[in-house]
């Protein structure tokens, strides 16, 4: 067996804390604690007629991000996605999903917490919401809807710039800089 040295001493120094540190948890940390479907609605209002429609459907996909604090270090991030498929004959289906994640954040500056909440957490949650929507559309009797990836960080930066410009902030970032 290889000599692994003093394991407890190695653990005490985990994360680069100097020997003799007070043991306080002072490193910034953020992550998804859990994720879940909060609400899922599948409407197939014109079935079974809609299965015979041959016109190319028009897709309307809307999404929104919300967040609320549920504890000192925990927030619920909500990714709401509504997908509507319609043709000249009518609405084929409507999928309405509210997918949430509990996010834990500790020892982070407020601006980093805000960015994690509204850009990084939705980026992490989106692939799971995308799969749920694809399965729901398939289970409604239609070909799965595979949503295109979304650049949540880019959208966050755009909205941050727009807010700064609207507020007339002197520190508004030029386009393309982060």
Protein backbone atom coordinates (compact mmCIF):
# COMPACT_ATOMS: atom_id res chain seq x y z
CA UNK A 1 0.00 0.00 0.00
CA UNK A 2 1.37 3.40 -0.93
CA UNK A 3 2.23 5.84 1.81
CA UNK A 4 -0.51 8.46 1.69
CA UNK A 5 0.93 10.63 4.44
CA UNK A 6 -1.23 12.12 7.16
CA UNK A 7 -4.74 12.05 5.66
CA UNK A 8 -6.25 14.32 8.33
CA UNK A 9 -3.53 16.93 7.80
CA UNK A 10 -4.20 16.75 4.06
CA UNK A 11 -7.93 17.26 4.65
CA UNK A 12 -7.24 20.22 6.96
CA UNK A 13 -5.41 21.86 4.10
CA UNK A 14 -8.07 20.97 1.49
CA UNK A 15 -8.89 23.95 -0.70
CA UNK A 16 -5.62 25.71 -0.04
CA UNK A 17 -6.46 27.03 3.45
CA UNK A 18 -3.28 27.76 5.36
CA UNK A 19 -2.39 25.44 8.22
CA UNK A 20 -3.79 26.77 11.48
CA UNK A 21 -6.92 28.28 9.87
CA UNK A 22 -9.88 28.63 12.19
CA UNK A 23 -11.88 26.05 10.22
CA UNK A 24 -14.55 28.56 9.20
CA UNK A 25 -16.21 27.95 5.85
CA UNK A 26 -15.24 31.15 4.05
CA UNK A 27 -14.81 29.96 0.47
CA UNK A 28 -17.48 31.09 -2.02
CA UNK A 29 -19.65 28.21 -3.15
CA UNK A 30 -22.79 27.84 -5.26
CA UNK A 31 -24.64 24.87 -6.65
CA UNK A 32 -27.94 23.16 -7.40
CA UNK A 33 -29.30 21.35 -4.35
CA UNK A 34 -32.30 19.77 -6.09
CA UNK A 35 -34.48 20.23 -9.15
CA UNK A 36 -38.12 19.45 -9.75
CA UNK A 37 -41.21 20.01 -11.85
CA UNK A 38 -43.39 22.56 -10.08
CA UNK A 39 -46.10 22.65 -12.73
CA UNK A 40 -46.62 20.86 -16.04
CA UNK A 41 -49.63 21.35 -18.26
CA UNK A 42 -50.16 19.54 -21.55
CA UNK A 43 -53.09 20.63 -23.70
CA UNK A 44 -54.09 18.80 -26.85
CA UNK A 45 -57.35 20.67 -27.55
CA UNK A 46 -58.09 19.48 -31.11
CA UNK A 47 -57.20 15.80 -30.73
CA UNK A 48 -57.75 13.59 -32.63
CA UNK A 49 -58.35 15.94 -35.59
CA UNK A 50 -54.98 17.66 -35.06
CA UNK A 51 -53.15 14.40 -35.83
CA UNK A 52 -54.43 14.62 -39.41
CA UNK A 53 -53.30 18.20 -40.05
CA UNK A 54 -50.57 18.42 -42.70
CA UNK A 55 -49.73 22.14 -42.58
CA UNK A 56 -46.38 23.08 -41.10
CA UNK A 57 -47.11 24.29 -37.55
CA UNK A 58 -46.04 27.69 -36.32
CA UNK A 59 -44.14 27.34 -33.04
CA UNK A 60 -44.20 29.99 -30.35
CA UNK A 61 -41.81 29.34 -27.46
CA UNK A 62 -41.67 31.75 -24.53
CA UNK A 63 -39.52 31.46 -21.44
CA UNK A 64 -39.08 33.40 -18.24
CA UNK A 65 -36.75 33.15 -15.27
CA UNK A 66 -37.79 33.95 -11.74
CA UNK A 67 -36.25 33.50 -8.32
CA UNK A 68 -37.22 33.80 -4.69
CA UNK A 69 -35.36 33.31 -1.44
CA UNK A 70 -36.49 30.31 0.59
CA UNK A 71 -33.77 30.51 3.25
CA UNK A 72 -30.65 32.41 4.25
CA UNK A 73 -28.48 30.63 1.69
CA UNK A 74 -31.09 28.97 -0.51
CA UNK A 75 -33.13 30.35 -3.41
CA UNK A 76 -35.65 28.74 -5.72
CA UNK A 77 -34.87 29.46 -9.38
CA UNK A 78 -37.87 29.02 -11.66
CA UNK A 79 -37.56 28.37 -15.39
CA UNK A 80 -40.97 28.77 -17.03
CA UNK A 81 -41.34 27.59 -20.63
CA UNK A 82 -44.49 27.74 -22.75
CA UNK A 83 -44.53 26.11 -26.18
CA UNK A 84 -47.53 26.54 -28.48
CA UNK A 85 -47.94 24.78 -31.82
CA UNK A 86 -50.62 26.11 -34.15
CA UNK A 87 -51.63 25.89 -37.77
CA UNK A 88 -54.38 27.56 -39.78
CA UNK A 89 -56.70 24.81 -38.51
CA UNK A 90 -56.07 25.74 -34.87
CA UNK A 91 -53.89 25.00 -31.89
CA UNK A 92 -52.32 21.56 -32.01
CA UNK A 93 -50.82 21.65 -28.51
CA UNK A 94 -49.72 23.85 -25.65
CA UNK A 95 -47.05 22.76 -23.19
CA UNK A 96 -46.61 24.88 -20.09
CA UNK A 97 -43.73 23.89 -17.80
CA UNK A 98 -42.44 25.45 -14.61
CA UNK A 99 -39.18 23.70 -13.76
CA UNK A 100 -37.38 24.73 -10.59
CA UNK A 101 -34.11 24.23 -8.83
CA UNK A 102 -33.12 24.93 -5.27
CA UNK A 103 -29.85 26.81 -5.40
CA UNK A 104 -27.47 27.13 -2.49
CA UNK A 105 -25.04 30.06 -2.39
CA UNK A 106 -22.64 31.01 0.38
CA UNK A 107 -19.88 33.57 0.85
CA UNK A 108 -20.48 35.23 -2.52
CA UNK A 109 -20.71 38.93 -3.38
CA UNK A 110 -24.25 40.05 -4.25
CA UNK A 111 -23.47 40.59 -7.96
CA UNK A 112 -22.09 37.04 -8.26
CA UNK A 113 -25.14 35.63 -6.51
CA UNK A 114 -27.39 37.54 -8.91
CA UNK A 115 -25.45 36.30 -11.95
CA UNK A 116 -25.52 32.70 -10.70
CA UNK A 117 -29.26 32.93 -9.99
CA UNK A 118 -30.28 34.41 -13.35
CA UNK A 119 -27.65 33.04 -15.75
CA UNK A 120 -25.79 29.98 -14.49
CA UNK A 121 -28.62 28.19 -12.65
CA UNK A 122 -31.00 28.44 -15.66
CA UNK A 123 -28.19 27.14 -17.88
CA UNK A 124 -27.86 24.11 -15.61
CA UNK A 125 -31.64 23.53 -15.39
CA UNK A 126 -32.45 24.03 -19.08
CA UNK A 127 -31.37 20.62 -20.46
CA UNK A 128 -33.68 18.89 -17.99
CA UNK A 129 -36.59 21.20 -18.86
CA UNK A 130 -35.85 20.64 -22.55
CA UNK A 131 -36.14 16.86 -22.11
CA UNK A 132 -39.39 17.18 -20.15
CA UNK A 133 -40.91 19.31 -22.91
CA UNK A 134 -39.74 16.90 -25.63
CA UNK A 135 -41.27 13.97 -23.74
CA UNK A 136 -44.53 15.84 -23.06
CA UNK A 137 -44.97 16.75 -26.73
CA UNK A 138 -44.19 13.16 -27.76
CA UNK A 139 -46.60 11.81 -25.14
CA UNK A 140 -49.27 14.15 -26.53
CA UNK A 141 -48.94 12.30 -29.85
CA UNK A 142 -46.66 14.64 -31.79
CA UNK A 143 -43.00 14.45 -32.83
CA UNK A 144 -40.81 15.55 -29.90
CA UNK A 145 -40.06 19.26 -29.70
CA UNK A 146 -36.31 19.72 -29.27
CA UNK A 147 -35.74 23.27 -28.13
CA UNK A 148 -32.57 24.99 -29.31
CA UNK A 149 -29.96 25.71 -26.65
CA UNK A 150 -30.24 29.11 -25.01
CA UNK A 151 -27.30 31.35 -24.11
CA UNK A 152 -28.52 32.38 -20.66
CA UNK A 153 -25.27 34.17 -19.86
CA UNK A 154 -25.51 36.23 -23.05
CA UNK A 155 -29.14 37.09 -22.31
CA UNK A 156 -28.22 38.02 -18.76
CA UNK A 157 -25.50 40.36 -19.98
CA UNK A 158 -27.88 41.96 -22.52
CA UNK A 159 -30.50 42.58 -19.85
CA UNK A 160 -27.88 43.92 -17.45
CA UNK A 161 -26.66 46.35 -20.13
CA UNK A 162 -30.22 47.40 -20.97
CA UNK A 163 -30.97 48.01 -17.29
CA UNK A 164 -27.79 50.07 -16.87
CA UNK A 165 -28.58 52.09 -19.99
CA UNK A 166 -32.16 52.62 -18.81
CA UNK A 167 -30.92 53.78 -15.40
CA UNK A 168 -28.40 56.07 -17.14
CA UNK A 169 -25.60 54.37 -15.27
CA UNK A 170 -22.21 55.90 -15.88
CA UNK A 171 -20.69 52.43 -15.53
CA UNK A 172 -22.69 50.88 -18.38
CA UNK A 173 -20.53 48.26 -20.07
CA UNK A 174 -19.82 48.55 -23.79
CA UNK A 175 -21.41 45.81 -25.90
CA UNK A 176 -19.39 42.61 -25.90
CA UNK A 177 -17.52 43.22 -22.65
CA UNK A 178 -18.10 41.34 -19.45
